[in-house]
Amino acid sequence: MIAIASLLWAFAGFAALAATMDRHEEQLGTAALAATQRHGWQAGGSALLLLSLLACLQRWNTSVGIAAWLGLLTLAAMAWGLVLSYAPERARRLALAAAALGTVAAALRY
C-alpha cells in the first residue's frame, strides 16, 4: 500500500509544481497566482515529492527505496504528462484526488 501512496503523492507533487510553470498555467487555471502563491505551490509540490521519498525509505532500505522512488517518479511523471495532454480540464481534480487517496492508502497500512 505504501508504494501506491508514494506514487499518488508523487503525482500530486508534480501537479503542484506544474501549476507554477508558465507553460501549464492556462491548462490548470493558475495564471492569476501571485509570486508568494507560486512559492507556496512550489513548496507544497516539493513537500509531496519528499513525502513520497520518505514513504519509500520507510518501506525499503535506502538503496532499494531510492531506486523504487525513482521508478515511481517516472510513472507519476508519465501519468501527469498524459493527463495534461488528454484531459487538462480534469487535471486539478485528479491531482487533488491523488493527494487524498495517497493519504488514505498510507493510513490503511497501519
Protein backbone atom coordinates (compact mmCIF):
# COMPACT_ATOMS: atom_id res chain seq x y z
CA MET A 1 0.00 0.00 0.00
CA ILE A 2 2.87 2.36 0.74
CA ALA A 3 4.11 2.16 -2.86
CA ILE A 4 0.66 3.22 -4.07
CA ALA A 5 0.66 6.09 -1.59
CA SER A 6 4.12 7.12 -2.77
CA LEU A 7 3.02 7.05 -6.40
CA LEU A 8 -0.08 9.12 -5.69
CA TRP A 9 1.88 11.68 -3.66
CA ALA A 10 4.43 11.98 -6.46
CA PHE A 11 1.61 12.55 -8.97
CA ALA A 12 0.14 15.29 -6.78
CA GLY A 13 3.60 16.78 -6.24
CA PHE A 14 4.21 17.04 -9.96
CA ALA A 15 0.79 18.62 -10.34
CA ALA A 16 1.60 21.29 -7.76
CA LEU A 17 4.93 22.01 -9.42
CA ALA A 18 3.30 22.20 -12.85
CA ALA A 19 0.76 24.71 -11.53
CA THR A 20 3.60 27.21 -11.07
CA MET A 21 5.04 26.80 -14.55
CA ASP A 22 4.26 29.37 -17.24
CA ARG A 23 3.75 26.58 -19.74
CA HIS A 24 0.88 24.99 -17.81
CA GLU A 25 -0.83 27.94 -16.13
CA GLU A 26 -3.56 28.18 -18.80
CA GLN A 27 -4.29 24.46 -18.61
CA LEU A 28 -4.52 24.48 -14.83
CA GLY A 29 -6.09 27.91 -14.35
CA THR A 30 -3.26 29.27 -12.24
CA ALA A 31 -2.38 32.32 -14.35
CA ALA A 32 -3.50 34.74 -11.63
CA LEU A 33 -1.18 33.40 -8.92
CA ALA A 34 0.95 35.98 -7.14
CA ALA A 35 4.65 35.34 -6.56
CA THR A 36 4.08 34.31 -2.95
CA GLN A 37 1.37 31.89 -4.00
CA ARG A 38 3.68 30.37 -6.61
CA HIS A 39 6.30 29.82 -3.93
CA GLY A 40 3.66 28.13 -1.77
CA TRP A 41 2.68 25.79 -4.60
CA GLN A 42 6.35 25.01 -5.27
CA ALA A 43 6.95 24.28 -1.59
CA GLY A 44 3.84 22.08 -1.47
CA GLY A 45 4.90 20.14 -4.56
CA SER A 46 8.39 19.65 -3.19
CA ALA A 47 6.96 18.53 0.14
CA LEU A 48 4.76 15.95 -1.58
CA LEU A 49 7.75 14.61 -3.52
CA LEU A 50 9.75 14.43 -0.29
CA LEU A 51 6.86 12.65 1.43
CA SER A 52 6.86 10.20 -1.46
CA LEU A 53 10.57 9.56 -0.93
CA LEU A 54 10.15 9.13 2.81
CA ALA A 55 7.39 6.58 2.24
CA CYS A 56 9.70 4.52 0.03
CA LEU A 57 12.54 4.78 2.53
CA GLN A 58 10.21 3.63 5.29
CA ARG A 59 9.16 0.58 3.28
CA TRP A 60 12.57 -0.49 1.91
CA ASN A 61 16.22 0.02 2.83
CA THR A 62 17.99 3.09 1.45
CA SER A 63 19.29 1.76 -1.85
CA VAL A 64 16.13 -0.10 -2.81
CA GLY A 65 13.94 2.74 -1.53
CA ILE A 66 15.67 5.33 -3.70
CA ALA A 67 15.56 3.06 -6.75
CA ALA A 68 11.87 2.35 -6.19
CA TRP A 69 11.19 6.05 -5.66
CA LEU A 70 12.87 6.95 -8.95
CA GLY A 71 10.77 4.34 -10.72
CA LEU A 72 7.60 5.67 -9.10
CA LEU A 73 8.60 9.23 -10.05
CA THR A 74 8.91 8.08 -13.65
CA LEU A 75 5.43 6.53 -13.59
CA ALA A 76 3.92 9.59 -11.91
CA ALA A 77 5.54 11.99 -14.38
CA MET A 78 4.33 9.95 -17.35
CA ALA A 79 0.81 9.79 -15.92
CA TRP A 80 0.81 13.54 -15.26
CA GLY A 81 2.01 14.20 -18.81
CA LEU A 82 -0.81 12.07 -20.21
CA VAL A 83 -3.38 13.85 -18.05
CA LEU A 84 -2.17 17.27 -19.20
CA SER A 85 -2.18 16.12 -22.82
CA TYR A 86 -5.53 14.38 -22.99
CA ALA A 87 -7.65 15.67 -20.11
CA PRO A 88 -6.36 19.06 -18.91
CA GLU A 89 -9.82 20.08 -17.71
CA ARG A 90 -9.76 17.20 -15.20
CA ALA A 91 -6.14 17.67 -14.12
CA ARG A 92 -6.77 19.71 -10.98
CA ARG A 93 -9.43 17.34 -9.67
CA LEU A 94 -7.24 14.31 -10.37
CA ALA A 95 -4.29 15.87 -8.56
CA LEU A 96 -6.41 16.65 -5.51
CA ALA A 97 -7.87 13.15 -5.53
CA ALA A 98 -4.38 11.65 -5.83
CA ALA A 99 -3.16 13.53 -2.76
CA ALA A 100 -6.19 12.46 -0.74
CA LEU A 101 -6.05 8.84 -1.90
CA GLY A 102 -2.33 8.72 -1.14
CA THR A 103 -3.07 9.72 2.42
CA VAL A 104 -5.82 7.10 2.67
CA ALA A 105 -3.52 4.41 1.23
CA ALA A 106 -0.81 5.30 3.74
CA ALA A 107 -3.32 5.24 6.60
CA LEU A 108 -4.55 1.79 5.54
CA ARG A 109 -1.04 0.46 6.03
CA TYR A 110 -1.37 0.91 9.79
